[in-house]
C-alpha atoms as a PDB file:
ATOM      1  CA  MET A   1     -68.301   7.688  -1.916  1.00  0.00           C
ATOM      2  CA  ASP A   2     -69.960   4.908  -0.002  1.00  0.00           C
ATOM      3  CA  THR A   3     -70.970   1.607  -1.583  1.00  0.00           C
ATOM      4  CA  GLU A   4     -74.720   2.446  -1.531  1.00  0.00           C
ATOM      5  CA  SER A   5     -74.254   5.668  -3.370  1.00  0.00           C
ATOM      6  CA  LYS A   6     -71.891   4.137  -5.909  1.00  0.00           C
ATOM      7  CA  TYR A   7     -74.313   1.278  -6.593  1.00  0.00           C
ATOM      8  CA  GLN A   8     -77.222   3.762  -6.900  1.00  0.00           C
ATOM      9  CA  GLN A   9     -75.285   5.695  -9.596  1.00  0.00           C
ATOM     10  CA  ILE A  10     -74.349   2.473 -11.409  1.00  0.00           C
ATOM     11  CA  ILE A  11     -77.862   1.118 -11.397  1.00  0.00           C
ATOM     12  CA  GLU A  12     -79.432   4.386 -12.506  1.00  0.00           C
ATOM     13  CA  LYS A  13     -76.949   4.677 -15.385  1.00  0.00           C
ATOM     14  CA  ILE A  14     -77.569   1.151 -16.591  1.00  0.00           C
ATOM     15  CA  ILE A  15     -81.411   1.291 -16.339  1.00  0.00           C
ATOM     16  CA  GLY A  16     -81.375   4.899 -17.764  1.00  0.00           C
ATOM     17  CA  ASP A  17     -79.441   3.677 -20.813  1.00  0.00           C
ATOM     18  CA  TYR A  18     -82.034   0.857 -21.349  1.00  0.00           C
ATOM     19  CA  ALA A  19     -84.831   3.440 -21.021  1.00  0.00           C
ATOM     20  CA  GLN A  20     -83.426   5.293 -24.032  1.00  0.00           C
ATOM     21  CA  LEU A  21     -83.923   2.356 -26.364  1.00  0.00           C
ATOM     22  CA  ARG A  22     -87.048   2.442 -28.513  1.00  0.00           C
ATOM     23  CA  TYR A  23     -89.533  -0.330 -28.150  1.00  0.00           C
ATOM     24  CA  SER A  24     -89.551  -2.364 -31.264  1.00  0.00           C
ATOM     25  CA  HIS A  25     -93.307  -1.997 -32.154  1.00  0.00           C
ATOM     26  CA  GLY A  26     -96.524  -0.356 -31.050  1.00  0.00           C
ATOM     27  CA  GLN A  27     -96.816   2.864 -29.102  1.00  0.00           C
ATOM     28  CA  VAL A  28     -94.931   1.638 -26.071  1.00  0.00           C
ATOM     29  CA  GLU A  29     -92.657   3.770 -23.902  1.00  0.00           C
ATOM     30  CA  ARG A  30     -90.096   2.844 -21.345  1.00  0.00           C
ATOM     31  CA  GLN A  31     -90.319   4.463 -17.956  1.00  0.00           C
ATOM     32  CA  THR A  32     -87.814   4.438 -15.072  1.00  0.00           C
ATOM     33  CA  VAL A  33     -88.831   4.134 -11.407  1.00  0.00           C
ATOM     34  CA  PHE A  34     -86.008   5.066  -9.127  1.00  0.00           C
ATOM     35  CA  ASP A  35     -86.734   5.066  -5.341  1.00  0.00           C
ATOM     36  CA  ARG A  36     -83.506   5.880  -3.589  1.00  0.00           C
ATOM     37  CA  GLU A  37     -85.023   5.776  -0.100  1.00  0.00           C
ATOM     38  CA  GLN A  38     -86.162   2.119  -0.524  1.00  0.00           C
ATOM     39  CA  ASN A  39     -83.321   1.371  -2.942  1.00  0.00           C
ATOM     40  CA  GLN A  40     -85.696  -0.001  -5.562  1.00  0.00           C
ATOM     41  CA  TYR A  41     -84.950   0.542  -9.326  1.00  0.00           C
ATOM     42  CA  LEU A  42     -87.350  -0.512 -12.121  1.00  0.00           C
ATOM     43  CA  LEU A  43     -87.648  -0.199 -15.902  1.00  0.00           C
ATOM     44  CA  MET A  44     -91.322  -0.396 -16.942  1.00  0.00           C
ATOM     45  CA  ILE A  45     -93.054  -0.565 -20.274  1.00  0.00           C
ATOM     46  CA  VAL A  46     -96.433   1.151 -20.739  1.00  0.00           C
ATOM     47  CA  GLY A  47     -98.502   1.743 -23.804  1.00  0.00           C
ATOM     48  CA  ILE A  48    -100.460   0.165 -26.630  1.00  0.00           C
ATOM     49  CA  ASP A  49     -99.267  -2.536 -29.099  1.00  0.00           C
ATOM     50  CA  GLY A  50    -101.926  -3.121 -31.747  1.00  0.00           C
ATOM     51  CA  ASN A  51    -105.173  -3.664 -29.872  1.00  0.00           C
ATOM     52  CA  LYS A  52    -103.475  -4.696 -26.631  1.00  0.00           C
ATOM     53  CA  MET A  53    -102.591  -2.569 -23.618  1.00  0.00           C
ATOM     54  CA  VAL A  54     -98.979  -3.142 -22.497  1.00  0.00           C
ATOM     55  CA  HIS A  55     -97.868  -2.757 -18.922  1.00  0.00           C
ATOM     56  CA  GLY A  56     -94.989  -4.564 -17.304  1.00  0.00           C
ATOM     57  CA  CYS A  57     -91.747  -4.558 -15.417  1.00  0.00           C
ATOM     58  CA  ILE A  58     -88.712  -5.311 -17.549  1.00  0.00           C
ATOM     59  CA  ILE A  59     -85.953  -4.824 -14.899  1.00  0.00           C
ATOM     60  CA  HIS A  60     -86.243  -4.689 -11.126  1.00  0.00           C
ATOM     61  CA  LEU A  61     -83.042  -4.243  -8.994  1.00  0.00           C
ATOM     62  CA  GLU A  62     -82.753  -3.624  -5.302  1.00  0.00           C
ATOM     63  CA  ILE A  63     -79.845  -2.615  -3.135  1.00  0.00           C
ATOM     64  CA  ARG A  64     -79.867  -4.552   0.233  1.00  0.00           C
ATOM     65  CA  GLY A  65     -76.861  -3.655   2.393  1.00  0.00           C
ATOM     66  CA  ASP A  66     -73.818  -4.181   0.189  1.00  0.00           C
ATOM     67  CA  LYS A  67     -75.482  -6.370  -2.376  1.00  0.00           C
ATOM     68  CA  ILE A  68     -77.425  -5.683  -5.545  1.00  0.00           C
ATOM     69  CA  TRP A  69     -80.377  -8.025  -5.965  1.00  0.00           C
ATOM     70  CA  ILE A  70     -81.739  -8.801  -9.473  1.00  0.00           C
ATOM     71  CA  HIS A  71     -85.345  -9.626  -8.940  1.00  0.00           C
ATOM     72  CA  ARG A  72     -86.397  -9.315 -12.630  1.00  0.00           C
ATOM     73  CA  ASP A  73     -84.224  -9.263 -15.685  1.00  0.00           C
ATOM     74  CA  GLY A  74     -85.907  -8.959 -19.013  1.00  0.00           C
ATOM     75  CA  SER A  75     -82.924  -7.306 -20.689  1.00  0.00           C
ATOM     76  CA  ALA A  76     -81.357  -8.697 -23.759  1.00  0.00           C
ATOM     77  CA  ASP A  77     -77.832  -8.687 -22.387  1.00  0.00           C
ATOM     78  CA  GLY A  78     -78.449  -9.498 -18.755  1.00  0.00           C
ATOM     79  CA  MET A  79     -78.221  -7.263 -15.767  1.00  0.00           C
ATOM     80  CA  ALA A  80     -75.475  -9.345 -14.005  1.00  0.00           C
ATOM     81  CA  GLY A  81     -73.155  -8.842 -16.941  1.00  0.00           C
ATOM     82  CA  GLU A  82     -73.899  -5.148 -17.038  1.00  0.00           C
ATOM     83  CA  LEU A  83     -73.212  -4.826 -13.282  1.00  0.00           C
ATOM     84  CA  LEU A  84     -69.919  -6.792 -13.577  1.00  0.00           C
ATOM     85  CA  ALA A  85     -68.811  -4.528 -16.503  1.00  0.00           C
ATOM     86  CA  ALA A  86     -69.565  -1.590 -14.253  1.00  0.00           C
ATOM     87  CA  GLY A  87     -67.279  -2.890 -11.521  1.00  0.00           C
ATOM     88  CA  VAL A  88     -69.658  -4.602  -9.156  1.00  0.00           C
ATOM     89  CA  PRO A  89     -67.948  -7.766  -7.806  1.00  0.00           C
ATOM     90  CA  LYS A  90     -69.776 -11.205  -8.305  1.00  0.00           C
ATOM     91  CA  GLU A  91     -69.955 -11.625  -4.502  1.00  0.00           C
ATOM     92  CA  ASN A  92     -72.145  -8.474  -4.355  1.00  0.00           C
ATOM     93  CA  ILE A  93     -74.756  -9.539  -7.003  1.00  0.00           C
ATOM     94  CA  VAL A  94     -77.606 -11.744  -5.957  1.00  0.00           C
ATOM     95  CA  LEU A  95     -79.634 -13.484  -8.686  1.00  0.00           C
ATOM     96  CA  GLY A  96     -82.950 -13.081  -6.744  1.00  0.00           C
ATOM     97  CA  PHE A  97     -85.072 -14.516  -9.534  1.00  0.00           C
ATOM     98  CA  TYR A  98     -83.538 -17.931  -8.695  1.00  0.00           C
ATOM     99  CA  HIS A  99     -84.668 -20.108  -5.851  1.00  0.00           C
ATOM    100  CA  PRO A 100     -82.151 -19.938  -2.966  1.00  0.00           C
ATOM    101  CA  GLU A 101     -80.942 -23.564  -3.526  1.00  0.00           C
ATOM    102  CA  THR A 102     -80.364 -22.658  -7.239  1.00  0.00           C
ATOM    103  CA  ARG A 103     -78.371 -19.551  -6.334  1.00  0.00           C
ATOM    104  CA  GLU A 104     -75.850 -21.815  -4.571  1.00  0.00           C
ATOM    105  CA  LEU A 105     -74.992 -23.341  -7.952  1.00  0.00           C
ATOM    106  CA  THR A 106     -74.001 -19.944  -9.471  1.00  0.00           C
ATOM    107  CA  ASP A 107     -70.806 -17.938  -9.117  1.00  0.00           C
ATOM    108  CA  PHE A 108     -72.813 -15.078  -7.661  1.00  0.00           C
ATOM    109  CA  ALA A 109     -73.847 -14.277  -4.029  1.00  0.00           C
ATOM    110  CA  VAL A 110     -76.400 -16.511  -2.358  1.00  0.00           C
ATOM    111  CA  CYS A 111     -77.945 -13.701  -0.338  1.00  0.00           C
END
């Protein structure tokens, strides 16, 4: 199995598991958006909480080459830790939600 296919399976499993968690209040559901052609993976929330409409992106990951970019991480445990636990090396994880200069200060890939 090539790296891209392996990463697709890892990401879909992690986000799929998060999608099974119930939202803590309101009538809010979690929805997965998996685009294998563009290598974009999202976990969305959609619904009603009290008198407010809820719509937002909780997690956004992207595969670029041999790296997984974390663009948005609203998870409780952190996507970087989840990816590491699934066997993705630190040098293949980019914390894309940080400015490039800040990324240099982490143990993860710069780009």
